[in-house]
Amino acid sequence: MKTLKTALAALLLSSTPLMAEELIMSSWLPPKHPIVVNAFEPWAEEVEKVTDGRVTVRIMRKPLGSPPAHFDMARDGIADVTYGLHSFTEDDRFNRARLGQFSFLGDDAIANSKAYWSIYGGELDAAAEHEGTHLLGLFMHGPGLLHNNLRKIETPADLEGMKLRVPGGYVGDLVSTLGAAPLFMSSTEVYEKLSRGVIDGVAFTYEAMTAFNLVDYIKYSMTVPGGIYNTTWFFVVNEDKWNSLSEEDRAAIDAISGEAFAERVGQAWNDADTAAQDVVGDKVEFYAAGPEVVGALRDAAGTLEASWAEGLGEGYDGAAALEEFRAMTGVSVE
């Protein structure tokens, strides 16, 4: 009888799963934002699946800090997992990340994100710029537009004095070079500033027009092939927390992250852009930039690209990285 009880106890213990390791993820986009719903939440569900329940991810309904603080929050262990824009961090720690922020890079978020993961995550050594964390993903959205409620931009002079929200980084330098006044703010601040007339326009995607309820305050939206600009995003986990997971679970999570996540989030961006265009319809006048404006954009972009490439330092070839990027996305700037 004693032997039987021992055997039964051992059986019960062996069939009882160990308590799962829970990763706390801080999320600052609205909970119903398409990237949260169609990229981050499915990824979190898949983490639990591929680790057989040993690791779970809890996405907080409210952020644990401001959007610009999210990288430091992961590095310092305030949250286990975070995401955000490189350009929200106003120092130069993510200098090589600017690769994916330039004009004329690509119109497809999947191709953009895969190229970004491959090149910035590869020869430009993104891991070194994200010290203290483990990279789960690097990605970009679809083509960036300039939206405003003042006038169509038919000549470069039409930009002069226009107050434009920018997400920091390259596009701030771009619109400043063209005579506009860039004002940095996070995505969640734009509605208030635009509706109150603090800004005249905004550098944003198609999907942001509906995601942040801006349609009633935008009259004109300008496009160029490959995008006027883009934003680059990190998706990271605290390094110590990552290393506390088993090698098996780290490998399983890596397999659904990286390039696989670039495809997942890129598809979410593409679908959101398409859905937004359908909703907006003719409420906003979309128009392609004319040759004079495209020429001015190309000249300003070329100068800013060259300055960035020259400042990367020994061992990094920014010009070659941009050429490779555009080859992967099929964009020509000739």
C-alpha atoms as a PDB file:
ATOM      1  CA  MET A   1       0.000   0.000   0.000  1.00  0.00           C
ATOM      2  CA  LYS A   2       2.841   2.385   0.859  1.00  0.00           C
ATOM      3  CA  THR A   3       4.517   1.659  -2.474  1.00  0.00           C
ATOM      4  CA  LEU A   4       1.230   2.301  -4.291  1.00  0.00           C
ATOM      5  CA  LYS A   5       0.752   5.662  -2.516  1.00  0.00           C
ATOM      6  CA  THR A   6       4.296   6.683  -3.439  1.00  0.00           C
ATOM      7  CA  ALA A   7       3.729   5.736  -7.058  1.00  0.00           C
ATOM      8  CA  LEU A   8       0.436   7.667  -7.182  1.00  0.00           C
ATOM      9  CA  ALA A   9       2.055  10.747  -5.644  1.00  0.00           C
ATOM     10  CA  ALA A  10       4.872  10.615  -8.205  1.00  0.00           C
ATOM     11  CA  LEU A  11       2.320  10.287 -11.004  1.00  0.00           C
ATOM     12  CA  LEU A  12       0.369  13.308  -9.765  1.00  0.00           C
ATOM     13  CA  LEU A  13       3.500  15.406  -9.489  1.00  0.00           C
ATOM     14  CA  SER A  14       4.666  14.433 -12.969  1.00  0.00           C
ATOM     15  CA  SER A  15       1.296  15.367 -14.486  1.00  0.00           C
ATOM     16  CA  THR A  16       1.106  18.777 -12.785  1.00  0.00           C
ATOM     17  CA  PRO A  17       2.695  21.499 -14.958  1.00  0.00           C
ATOM     18  CA  LEU A  18       5.227  23.776 -13.362  1.00  0.00           C
ATOM     19  CA  MET A  19       4.064  27.363 -12.890  1.00  0.00           C
ATOM     20  CA  ALA A  20       4.496  29.282 -16.142  1.00  0.00           C
ATOM     21  CA  GLU A  21       7.056  32.063 -16.427  1.00  0.00           C
ATOM     22  CA  GLU A  22       4.998  35.189 -17.104  1.00  0.00           C
ATOM     23  CA  LEU A  23       6.473  38.014 -19.161  1.00  0.00           C
ATOM     24  CA  ILE A  24       4.918  41.420 -18.516  1.00  0.00           C
ATOM     25  CA  MET A  25       4.612  43.456 -21.708  1.00  0.00           C
ATOM     26  CA  SER A  26       3.973  47.201 -21.567  1.00  0.00           C
ATOM     27  CA  SER A  27       1.944  48.472 -24.535  1.00  0.00           C
ATOM     28  CA  TRP A  28       1.321  52.169 -25.221  1.00  0.00           C
ATOM     29  CA  LEU A  29      -0.691  51.974 -28.447  1.00  0.00           C
ATOM     30  CA  PRO A  30      -4.488  51.909 -27.996  1.00  0.00           C
ATOM     31  CA  PRO A  31      -5.595  48.354 -27.105  1.00  0.00           C
ATOM     32  CA  LYS A  32      -7.641  48.116 -30.324  1.00  0.00           C
ATOM     33  CA  HIS A  33      -4.840  49.408 -32.552  1.00  0.00           C
ATOM     34  CA  PRO A  34      -4.434  46.975 -35.481  1.00  0.00           C
ATOM     35  CA  ILE A  35      -0.797  46.308 -34.640  1.00  0.00           C
ATOM     36  CA  VAL A  36      -1.698  45.320 -31.099  1.00  0.00           C
ATOM     37  CA  VAL A  37      -4.654  43.182 -32.188  1.00  0.00           C
ATOM     38  CA  ASN A  38      -3.082  41.589 -35.278  1.00  0.00           C
ATOM     39  CA  ALA A  39       0.605  41.346 -34.375  1.00  0.00           C
ATOM     40  CA  PHE A  40       1.461  41.602 -30.680  1.00  0.00           C
ATOM     41  CA  GLU A  41      -1.511  39.679 -29.304  1.00  0.00           C
ATOM     42  CA  PRO A  42      -1.170  36.743 -31.758  1.00  0.00           C
ATOM     43  CA  TRP A  43       2.570  36.639 -31.033  1.00  0.00           C
ATOM     44  CA  ALA A  44       1.877  36.470 -27.298  1.00  0.00           C
ATOM     45  CA  GLU A  45      -0.598  33.639 -27.812  1.00  0.00           C
ATOM     46  CA  GLU A  46       1.918  31.766 -29.932  1.00  0.00           C
ATOM     47  CA  VAL A  47       4.626  32.138 -27.276  1.00  0.00           C
ATOM     48  CA  GLU A  48       2.468  30.130 -24.891  1.00  0.00           C
ATOM     49  CA  LYS A  49       1.788  27.545 -27.580  1.00  0.00           C
ATOM     50  CA  VAL A  50       5.369  26.978 -28.740  1.00  0.00           C
ATOM     51  CA  THR A  51       6.655  26.726 -25.155  1.00  0.00           C
ATOM     52  CA  ASP A  52       3.908  24.264 -24.183  1.00  0.00           C
ATOM     53  CA  GLY A  53       2.611  26.745 -21.628  1.00  0.00           C
ATOM     54  CA  ARG A  54       5.934  27.221 -19.838  1.00  0.00           C
ATOM     55  CA  VAL A  55       6.109  30.898 -20.872  1.00  0.00           C
ATOM     56  CA  THR A  56       3.178  33.288 -21.102  1.00  0.00           C
ATOM     57  CA  VAL A  57       2.975  36.961 -22.038  1.00  0.00           C
ATOM     58  CA  ARG A  58       0.602  39.375 -20.327  1.00  0.00           C
ATOM     59  CA  ILE A  59       0.042  42.545 -22.356  1.00  0.00           C
ATOM     60  CA  MET A  60      -0.881  45.383 -20.033  1.00  0.00           C
ATOM     61  CA  ARG A  61      -3.976  47.363 -20.973  1.00  0.00           C
ATOM     62  CA  LYS A  62      -2.257  50.549 -19.846  1.00  0.00           C
ATOM     63  CA  PRO A  63       1.431  51.389 -20.403  1.00  0.00           C
ATOM     64  CA  LEU A  64       3.860  51.361 -17.496  1.00  0.00           C
ATOM     65  CA  GLY A  65       5.488  54.580 -18.728  1.00  0.00           C
ATOM     66  CA  SER A  66       5.478  57.143 -21.522  1.00  0.00           C
ATOM     67  CA  PRO A  67       6.066  55.937 -25.108  1.00  0.00           C
ATOM     68  CA  PRO A  68       9.601  57.435 -25.286  1.00  0.00           C
ATOM     69  CA  ALA A  69      10.559  55.596 -22.062  1.00  0.00           C
ATOM     70  CA  HIS A  70       9.793  52.118 -23.336  1.00  0.00           C
ATOM     71  CA  PHE A  71      13.249  51.005 -24.406  1.00  0.00           C
ATOM     72  CA  ASP A  72      14.772  52.024 -21.070  1.00  0.00           C
ATOM     73  CA  MET A  73      11.907  50.288 -19.286  1.00  0.00           C
ATOM     74  CA  ALA A  74      12.847  46.959 -20.881  1.00  0.00           C
ATOM     75  CA  ARG A  75      16.567  47.478 -20.393  1.00  0.00           C
ATOM     76  CA  ASP A  76      16.079  48.373 -16.715  1.00  0.00           C
ATOM     77  CA  GLY A  77      13.548  45.622 -16.011  1.00  0.00           C
ATOM     78  CA  ILE A  78      10.560  47.885 -15.294  1.00  0.00           C
ATOM     79  CA  ALA A  79       8.733  45.791 -17.887  1.00  0.00           C
ATOM     80  CA  ASP A  80       9.914  42.496 -19.352  1.00  0.00           C
ATOM     81  CA  VAL A  81       8.845  43.180 -22.945  1.00  0.00           C
ATOM     82  CA  THR A  82       8.355  46.512 -24.721  1.00  0.00           C
ATOM     83  CA  TYR A  83       8.190  48.033 -28.178  1.00  0.00           C
ATOM     84  CA  GLY A  84       8.569  51.524 -29.544  1.00  0.00           C
ATOM     85  CA  LEU A  85      10.014  53.887 -32.113  1.00  0.00           C
ATOM     86  CA  HIS A  86      13.764  54.400 -32.223  1.00  0.00           C
ATOM     87  CA  SER A  87      13.169  58.073 -33.011  1.00  0.00           C
ATOM     88  CA  PHE A  88      11.264  58.596 -29.746  1.00  0.00           C
ATOM     89  CA  THR A  89      14.614  58.303 -27.959  1.00  0.00           C
ATOM     90  CA  GLU A  90      16.105  61.727 -28.500  1.00  0.00           C
ATOM     91  CA  ASP A  91      19.767  60.845 -27.903  1.00  0.00           C
ATOM     92  CA  ASP A  92      21.929  59.196 -30.572  1.00  0.00           C
ATOM     93  CA  ARG A  93      22.047  55.659 -29.179  1.00  0.00           C
ATOM     94  CA  PHE A  94      20.094  54.335 -32.189  1.00  0.00           C
ATOM     95  CA  ASN A  95      22.062  56.098 -34.902  1.00  0.00           C
ATOM     96  CA  ARG A  96      22.354  53.074 -37.203  1.00  0.00           C
ATOM     97  CA  ALA A  97      18.630  52.419 -36.775  1.00  0.00           C
ATOM     98  CA  ARG A  98      17.963  55.446 -38.990  1.00  0.00           C
ATOM     99  CA  LEU A  99      18.605  53.172 -41.989  1.00  0.00           C
ATOM    100  CA  GLY A 100      14.864  52.490 -42.195  1.00  0.00           C
ATOM    101  CA  GLN A 101      13.624  56.059 -41.727  1.00  0.00           C
ATOM    102  CA  PHE A 102      14.644  57.611 -45.047  1.00  0.00           C
ATOM    103  CA  SER A 103      12.509  58.553 -48.055  1.00  0.00           C
ATOM    104  CA  PHE A 104      11.852  56.266 -51.036  1.00  0.00           C
ATOM    105  CA  LEU A 105      12.399  52.966 -49.181  1.00  0.00           C
ATOM    106  CA  GLY A 106       9.337  50.932 -50.063  1.00  0.00           C
ATOM    107  CA  ASP A 107       5.546  50.777 -50.158  1.00  0.00           C
ATOM    108  CA  ASP A 108       5.104  47.310 -48.659  1.00  0.00           C
ATOM    109  CA  ALA A 109       5.476  46.938 -44.892  1.00  0.00           C
ATOM    110  CA  ILE A 110       6.371  43.244 -45.136  1.00  0.00           C
ATOM    111  CA  ALA A 111       9.243  43.859 -47.551  1.00  0.00           C
ATOM    112  CA  ASN A 112      10.337  46.919 -45.566  1.00  0.00           C
ATOM    113  CA  SER A 113      10.348  45.052 -42.266  1.00  0.00           C
ATOM    114  CA  LYS A 114      12.140  41.973 -43.607  1.00  0.00           C
ATOM    115  CA  ALA A 115      14.837  44.128 -45.216  1.00  0.00           C
ATOM    116  CA  TYR A 116      15.211  46.103 -42.016  1.00  0.00           C
ATOM    117  CA  TRP A 117      15.559  42.978 -39.876  1.00  0.00           C
ATOM    118  CA  SER A 118      18.096  41.526 -42.311  1.00  0.00           C
ATOM    119  CA  ILE A 119      20.326  44.581 -42.761  1.00  0.00           C
ATOM    120  CA  TYR A 120      20.066  46.564 -39.544  1.00  0.00           C
ATOM    121  CA  GLY A 121      19.879  43.340 -37.578  1.00  0.00           C
ATOM    122  CA  GLY A 122      22.839  41.983 -39.560  1.00  0.00           C
ATOM    123  CA  GLU A 123      25.759  44.049 -40.844  1.00  0.00           C
ATOM    124  CA  LEU A 124      24.712  47.193 -38.955  1.00  0.00           C
ATOM    125  CA  ASP A 125      24.719  45.256 -35.661  1.00  0.00           C
ATOM    126  CA  ALA A 126      21.392  46.328 -34.168  1.00  0.00           C
ATOM    127  CA  ALA A 127      22.043  44.167 -31.095  1.00  0.00           C
ATOM    128  CA  ALA A 128      24.868  46.473 -30.013  1.00  0.00           C
ATOM    129  CA  GLU A 129      22.530  49.481 -30.099  1.00  0.00           C
ATOM    130  CA  HIS A 130      19.992  47.607 -27.947  1.00  0.00           C
ATOM    131  CA  GLU A 131      22.377  46.567 -25.183  1.00  0.00           C
ATOM    132  CA  GLY A 132      20.669  45.231 -22.082  1.00  0.00           C
ATOM    133  CA  THR A 133      17.881  43.615 -24.069  1.00  0.00           C
ATOM    134  CA  HIS A 134      17.353  40.736 -26.469  1.00  0.00           C
ATOM    135  CA  LEU A 135      15.908  41.684 -29.846  1.00  0.00           C
ATOM    136  CA  LEU A 136      12.585  40.039 -30.601  1.00  0.00           C
ATOM    137  CA  GLY A 137      11.872  42.150 -33.646  1.00  0.00           C
ATOM    138  CA  LEU A 138      12.765  45.140 -35.808  1.00  0.00           C
ATOM    139  CA  PHE A 139      10.180  46.496 -38.187  1.00  0.00           C
ATOM    140  CA  MET A 140       8.763  49.377 -40.227  1.00  0.00           C
ATOM    141  CA  HIS A 141       5.305  50.436 -41.323  1.00  0.00           C
ATOM    142  CA  GLY A 142       3.987  51.174 -44.816  1.00  0.00           C
ATOM    143  CA  PRO A 143       4.785  54.370 -46.731  1.00  0.00           C
ATOM    144  CA  GLY A 144       4.725  57.571 -44.680  1.00  0.00           C
ATOM    145  CA  LEU A 145       2.604  60.485 -45.930  1.00  0.00           C
ATOM    146  CA  LEU A 146       2.327  64.182 -45.120  1.00  0.00           C
ATOM    147  CA  HIS A 147      -1.207  65.100 -44.049  1.00  0.00           C
ATOM    148  CA  ASN A 148      -2.334  68.692 -43.459  1.00  0.00           C
ATOM    149  CA  ASN A 149      -5.402  70.903 -43.246  1.00  0.00           C
ATOM    150  CA  LEU A 150      -4.032  74.062 -44.906  1.00  0.00           C
ATOM    151  CA  ARG A 151      -3.250  73.424 -48.574  1.00  0.00           C
ATOM    152  CA  LYS A 152      -2.014  71.031 -51.202  1.00  0.00           C
ATOM    153  CA  ILE A 153       1.767  71.000 -51.365  1.00  0.00           C
ATOM    154  CA  GLU A 154       2.332  71.763 -55.039  1.00  0.00           C
ATOM    155  CA  THR A 155       5.730  73.456 -54.730  1.00  0.00           C
ATOM    156  CA  PRO A 156       8.442  73.225 -52.065  1.00  0.00           C
ATOM    157  CA  ALA A 157       7.501  76.755 -50.989  1.00  0.00           C
ATOM    158  CA  ASP A 158       4.084  75.488 -49.878  1.00  0.00           C
ATOM    159  CA  LEU A 159       5.789  73.720 -46.980  1.00  0.00           C
ATOM    160  CA  GLU A 160       7.382  76.866 -45.598  1.00  0.00           C
ATOM    161  CA  GLY A 161       6.161  77.712 -42.115  1.00  0.00           C
ATOM    162  CA  MET A 162       3.804  74.742 -41.894  1.00  0.00           C
ATOM    163  CA  LYS A 163       3.728  73.281 -38.367  1.00  0.00           C
ATOM    164  CA  LEU A 164       4.024  69.525 -38.743  1.00  0.00           C
ATOM    165  CA  ARG A 165       4.018  66.816 -36.123  1.00  0.00           C
ATOM    166  CA  VAL A 166       6.927  64.433 -36.603  1.00  0.00           C
ATOM    167  CA  PRO A 167       7.934  61.283 -34.699  1.00  0.00           C
ATOM    168  CA  GLY A 168      11.510  62.540 -34.390  1.00  0.00           C
ATOM    169  CA  GLY A 169      14.454  61.198 -36.333  1.00  0.00           C
ATOM    170  CA  TYR A 170      14.981  61.674 -40.045  1.00  0.00           C
ATOM    171  CA  VAL A 171      11.587  63.120 -41.010  1.00  0.00           C
ATOM    172  CA  GLY A 172      12.066  65.984 -38.561  1.00  0.00           C
ATOM    173  CA  ASP A 173      15.322  66.901 -40.296  1.00  0.00           C
ATOM    174  CA  LEU A 174      13.665  66.456 -43.702  1.00  0.00           C
ATOM    175  CA  VAL A 175      10.727  68.820 -43.203  1.00  0.00           C
ATOM    176  CA  SER A 176      12.984  71.335 -41.451  1.00  0.00           C
ATOM    177  CA  THR A 177      15.317  71.329 -44.464  1.00  0.00           C
ATOM    178  CA  LEU A 178      12.284  72.040 -46.666  1.00  0.00           C
ATOM    179  CA  GLY A 179      11.196  75.006 -44.551  1.00  0.00           C
ATOM    180  CA  ALA A 180       8.483  73.530 -42.340  1.00  0.00           C
ATOM    181  CA  ALA A 181       8.484  73.652 -38.539  1.00  0.00           C
ATOM    182  CA  PRO A 182       8.758  70.128 -37.097  1.00  0.00           C
ATOM    183  CA  LEU A 183       7.136  69.507 -33.707  1.00  0.00           C
ATOM    184  CA  PHE A 184       7.975  66.229 -31.976  1.00  0.00           C
ATOM    185  CA  MET A 185       5.187  64.360 -30.230  1.00  0.00           C
ATOM    186  CA  SER A 186       4.110  60.760 -29.776  1.00  0.00           C
ATOM    187  CA  SER A 187       1.226  59.299 -31.771  1.00  0.00           C
ATOM    188  CA  THR A 188      -1.220  59.488 -28.884  1.00  0.00           C
ATOM    189  CA  GLU A 189      -0.811  63.282 -28.582  1.00  0.00           C
ATOM    190  CA  VAL A 190      -1.652  64.114 -32.201  1.00  0.00           C
ATOM    191  CA  TYR A 191      -5.457  64.217 -32.013  1.00  0.00           C
ATOM    192  CA  GLU A 192      -5.497  66.893 -29.332  1.00  0.00           C
ATOM    193  CA  LYS A 193      -2.843  69.044 -31.024  1.00  0.00           C
ATOM    194  CA  LEU A 194      -4.375  68.774 -34.489  1.00  0.00           C
ATOM    195  CA  SER A 195      -7.964  69.358 -33.352  1.00  0.00           C
ATOM    196  CA  ARG A 196      -6.922  72.437 -31.365  1.00  0.00           C
ATOM    197  CA  GLY A 197      -4.892  73.900 -34.232  1.00  0.00           C
ATOM    198  CA  VAL A 198      -1.558  73.646 -32.449  1.00  0.00           C
ATOM    199  CA  ILE A 199      -0.239  71.861 -35.541  1.00  0.00           C
ATOM    200  CA  ASP A 200      -1.228  72.192 -39.198  1.00  0.00           C
ATOM    201  CA  GLY A 201      -0.418  68.665 -40.222  1.00  0.00           C
ATOM    202  CA  VAL A 202       1.282  65.428 -39.382  1.00  0.00           C
ATOM    203  CA  ALA A 203       3.730  62.902 -40.780  1.00  0.00           C
ATOM    204  CA  PHE A 204       1.774  59.671 -40.485  1.00  0.00           C
ATOM    205  CA  THR A 205       0.669  56.511 -42.274  1.00  0.00           C
ATOM    206  CA  TYR A 206      -2.724  55.806 -43.822  1.00  0.00           C
ATOM    207  CA  GLU A 207      -3.779  53.663 -40.863  1.00  0.00           C
ATOM    208  CA  ALA A 208      -2.998  56.378 -38.322  1.00  0.00           C
ATOM    209  CA  MET A 209      -5.709  58.569 -39.831  1.00  0.00           C
ATOM    210  CA  THR A 210      -8.381  56.217 -38.524  1.00  0.00           C
ATOM    211  CA  ALA A 211      -6.490  54.672 -35.600  1.00  0.00           C
ATOM    212  CA  PHE A 212      -6.144  58.100 -33.978  1.00  0.00           C
ATOM    213  CA  ASN A 213      -9.414  59.643 -35.256  1.00  0.00           C
ATOM    214  CA  LEU A 214      -7.807  62.362 -37.391  1.00  0.00           C
ATOM    215  CA  VAL A 215      -9.965  62.281 -40.532  1.00  0.00           C
ATOM    216  CA  ASP A 216     -12.111  65.290 -39.603  1.00  0.00           C
ATOM    217  CA  TYR A 217      -9.003  67.443 -39.156  1.00  0.00           C
ATOM    218  CA  ILE A 218      -7.148  66.541 -42.360  1.00  0.00           C
ATOM    219  CA  LYS A 219      -7.930  67.915 -45.833  1.00  0.00           C
ATOM    220  CA  TYR A 220      -4.909  66.916 -47.941  1.00  0.00           C
ATOM    221  CA  SER A 221      -2.582  63.901 -47.913  1.00  0.00           C
ATOM    222  CA  MET A 222       0.537  63.774 -50.094  1.00  0.00           C
ATOM    223  CA  THR A 223       2.237  60.591 -51.251  1.00  0.00           C
ATOM    224  CA  VAL A 224       5.436  59.697 -53.094  1.00  0.00           C
ATOM    225  CA  PRO A 225       6.467  56.254 -54.404  1.00  0.00           C
ATOM    226  CA  GLY A 226       8.361  54.437 -51.643  1.00  0.00           C
ATOM    227  CA  GLY A 227       7.134  56.788 -48.945  1.00  0.00           C
ATOM    228  CA  ILE A 228       8.070  60.315 -47.895  1.00  0.00           C
ATOM    229  CA  TYR A 229       9.580  58.781 -44.755  1.00  0.00           C
ATOM    230  CA  ASN A 230       9.223  55.767 -42.490  1.00  0.00           C
ATOM    231  CA  THR A 231       9.589  54.958 -38.817  1.00  0.00           C
ATOM    232  CA  THR A 232      11.638  52.162 -37.307  1.00  0.00           C
ATOM    233  CA  TRP A 233      10.511  50.091 -34.366  1.00  0.00           C
ATOM    234  CA  PHE A 234      12.159  47.836 -31.796  1.00  0.00           C
ATOM    235  CA  PHE A 235      10.534  44.888 -30.013  1.00  0.00           C
ATOM    236  CA  VAL A 236      12.659  43.744 -27.090  1.00  0.00           C
ATOM    237  CA  VAL A 237      12.781  41.700 -23.912  1.00  0.00           C
ATOM    238  CA  ASN A 238      14.911  42.415 -20.859  1.00  0.00           C
ATOM    239  CA  GLU A 239      18.198  40.526 -21.235  1.00  0.00           C
ATOM    240  CA  ASP A 240      18.275  39.067 -17.711  1.00  0.00           C
ATOM    241  CA  LYS A 241      14.668  37.916 -17.985  1.00  0.00           C
ATOM    242  CA  TRP A 242      15.434  36.368 -21.368  1.00  0.00           C
ATOM    243  CA  ASN A 243      18.453  34.529 -20.035  1.00  0.00           C
ATOM    244  CA  SER A 244      16.379  33.138 -17.151  1.00  0.00           C
ATOM    245  CA  LEU A 245      14.284  31.163 -19.639  1.00  0.00           C
ATOM    246  CA  SER A 246      15.396  27.717 -20.710  1.00  0.00           C
ATOM    247  CA  GLU A 247      17.450  27.323 -23.871  1.00  0.00           C
ATOM    248  CA  GLU A 248      14.586  25.310 -25.371  1.00  0.00           C
ATOM    249  CA  ASP A 249      12.047  28.071 -24.719  1.00  0.00           C
ATOM    250  CA  ARG A 250      14.365  30.821 -25.969  1.00  0.00           C
ATOM    251  CA  ALA A 251      14.848  28.928 -29.225  1.00  0.00           C
ATOM    252  CA  ALA A 252      11.096  28.398 -29.600  1.00  0.00           C
ATOM    253  CA  ILE A 253      10.345  32.097 -29.044  1.00  0.00           C
ATOM    254  CA  ASP A 254      13.127  33.222 -31.376  1.00  0.00           C
ATOM    255  CA  ALA A 255      11.647  31.032 -34.101  1.00  0.00           C
ATOM    256  CA  ILE A 256       8.379  33.019 -34.068  1.00  0.00           C
ATOM    257  CA  SER A 257      10.129  36.369 -33.657  1.00  0.00           C
ATOM    258  CA  GLY A 258      12.741  38.085 -35.842  1.00  0.00           C
ATOM    259  CA  GLU A 259      11.961  37.620 -39.521  1.00  0.00           C
ATOM    260  CA  ALA A 260       8.746  35.745 -38.754  1.00  0.00           C
ATOM    261  CA  PHE A 261       7.511  38.664 -36.672  1.00  0.00           C
ATOM    262  CA  ALA A 262       8.602  41.110 -39.398  1.00  0.00           C
ATOM    263  CA  GLU A 263       6.236  39.311 -41.765  1.00  0.00           C
ATOM    264  CA  ARG A 264       3.432  39.168 -39.192  1.00  0.00           C
ATOM    265  CA  VAL A 265       3.612  42.844 -38.239  1.00  0.00           C
ATOM    266  CA  GLY A 266       4.209  43.918 -41.834  1.00  0.00           C
ATOM    267  CA  GLN A 267       1.009  42.163 -42.893  1.00  0.00           C
ATOM    268  CA  ALA A 268      -0.827  43.870 -40.037  1.00  0.00           C
ATOM    269  CA  TRP A 269       0.413  47.290 -41.219  1.00  0.00           C
ATOM    270  CA  ASN A 270      -0.526  46.555 -44.835  1.00  0.00           C
ATOM    271  CA  ASP A 271      -4.018  45.390 -43.909  1.00  0.00           C
ATOM    272  CA  ALA A 272      -4.525  48.398 -41.635  1.00  0.00           C
ATOM    273  CA  ASP A 273      -3.449  50.825 -44.378  1.00  0.00           C
ATOM    274  CA  THR A 274      -5.857  49.251 -46.862  1.00  0.00           C
ATOM    275  CA  ALA A 275      -8.724  49.296 -44.355  1.00  0.00           C
ATOM    276  CA  ALA A 276      -8.034  52.940 -43.492  1.00  0.00           C
ATOM    277  CA  GLN A 277      -8.097  54.017 -47.136  1.00  0.00           C
ATOM    278  CA  ASP A 278     -11.463  52.311 -47.536  1.00  0.00           C
ATOM    279  CA  VAL A 279     -12.863  54.111 -44.483  1.00  0.00           C
ATOM    280  CA  VAL A 280     -11.466  57.532 -45.391  1.00  0.00           C
ATOM    281  CA  GLY A 281     -12.615  57.343 -49.009  1.00  0.00           C
ATOM    282  CA  ASP A 282     -13.008  60.825 -50.470  1.00  0.00           C
ATOM    283  CA  LYS A 283     -13.201  62.612 -47.116  1.00  0.00           C
ATOM    284  CA  VAL A 284      -9.544  63.558 -47.615  1.00  0.00           C
ATOM    285  CA  GLU A 285      -7.884  64.532 -50.896  1.00  0.00           C
ATOM    286  CA  PHE A 286      -5.040  62.103 -51.578  1.00  0.00           C
ATOM    287  CA  TYR A 287      -2.620  63.245 -54.251  1.00  0.00           C
ATOM    288  CA  ALA A 288       0.796  62.269 -55.580  1.00  0.00           C
ATOM    289  CA  ALA A 289       3.564  64.813 -55.123  1.00  0.00           C
ATOM    290  CA  GLY A 290       4.457  66.596 -58.359  1.00  0.00           C
ATOM    291  CA  PRO A 291       7.915  66.483 -60.004  1.00  0.00           C
ATOM    292  CA  GLU A 292       9.095  69.720 -58.387  1.00  0.00           C
ATOM    293  CA  VAL A 293       8.235  68.541 -54.875  1.00  0.00           C
ATOM    294  CA  VAL A 294       9.632  65.039 -55.504  1.00  0.00           C
ATOM    295  CA  GLY A 295      12.860  66.624 -56.768  1.00  0.00           C
ATOM    296  CA  ALA A 296      13.170  68.770 -53.653  1.00  0.00           C
ATOM    297  CA  LEU A 297      12.498  65.737 -51.463  1.00  0.00           C
ATOM    298  CA  ARG A 298      15.094  63.701 -53.357  1.00  0.00           C
ATOM    299  CA  ASP A 299      17.746  66.418 -53.012  1.00  0.00           C
ATOM    300  CA  ALA A 300      17.123  66.894 -49.286  1.00  0.00           C
ATOM    301  CA  ALA A 301      16.977  63.144 -48.691  1.00  0.00           C
ATOM    302  CA  GLY A 302      20.245  62.572 -50.561  1.00  0.00           C
ATOM    303  CA  THR A 303      22.055  65.142 -48.429  1.00  0.00           C
ATOM    304  CA  LEU A 304      20.680  63.681 -45.184  1.00  0.00           C
ATOM    305  CA  GLU A 305      21.480  60.110 -46.249  1.00  0.00           C
ATOM    306  CA  ALA A 306      25.071  61.033 -47.089  1.00  0.00           C
ATOM    307  CA  SER A 307      25.544  62.824 -43.777  1.00  0.00           C
ATOM    308  CA  TRP A 308      24.185  59.805 -41.886  1.00  0.00           C
ATOM    309  CA  ALA A 309      26.376  57.344 -43.791  1.00  0.00           C
ATOM    310  CA  GLU A 310      29.511  59.399 -43.217  1.00  0.00           C
ATOM    311  CA  GLY A 311      28.815  59.594 -39.492  1.00  0.00           C
ATOM    312  CA  LEU A 312      28.481  55.871 -38.845  1.00  0.00           C
ATOM    313  CA  GLY A 313      32.148  55.358 -38.217  1.00  0.00           C
ATOM    314  CA  GLU A 314      34.622  52.693 -39.240  1.00  0.00           C
ATOM    315  CA  GLY A 315      33.202  49.273 -40.036  1.00  0.00           C
ATOM    316  CA  TYR A 316      29.749  50.409 -41.151  1.00  0.00           C
ATOM    317  CA  ASP A 317      28.912  51.241 -44.758  1.00  0.00           C
ATOM    318  CA  GLY A 318      25.665  53.170 -44.650  1.00  0.00           C
ATOM    319  CA  ALA A 319      25.535  53.874 -48.391  1.00  0.00           C
ATOM    320  CA  ALA A 320      25.917  50.176 -49.200  1.00  0.00           C
ATOM    321  CA  ALA A 321      23.288  49.299 -46.588  1.00  0.00           C
ATOM    322  CA  LEU A 322      20.784  51.698 -48.180  1.00  0.00           C
ATOM    323  CA  GLU A 323      21.555  50.335 -51.637  1.00  0.00           C
ATOM    324  CA  GLU A 324      21.014  46.793 -50.400  1.00  0.00           C
ATOM    325  CA  PHE A 325      17.805  47.813 -48.662  1.00  0.00           C
ATOM    326  CA  ARG A 326      16.319  49.342 -51.803  1.00  0.00           C
ATOM    327  CA  ALA A 327      17.398  46.331 -53.845  1.00  0.00           C
ATOM    328  CA  MET A 328      15.445  44.113 -51.430  1.00  0.00           C
ATOM    329  CA  THR A 329      12.316  46.299 -51.622  1.00  0.00           C
ATOM    330  CA  GLY A 330      12.587  47.040 -55.334  1.00  0.00           C
ATOM    331  CA  VAL A 331      12.804  50.835 -55.099  1.00  0.00           C
ATOM    332  CA  SER A 332      14.856  53.027 -57.420  1.00  0.00           C
ATOM    333  CA  VAL A 333      15.722  56.637 -56.570  1.00  0.00           C
ATOM    334  CA  GLU A 334      17.035  57.512 -60.036  1.00  0.00           C
END
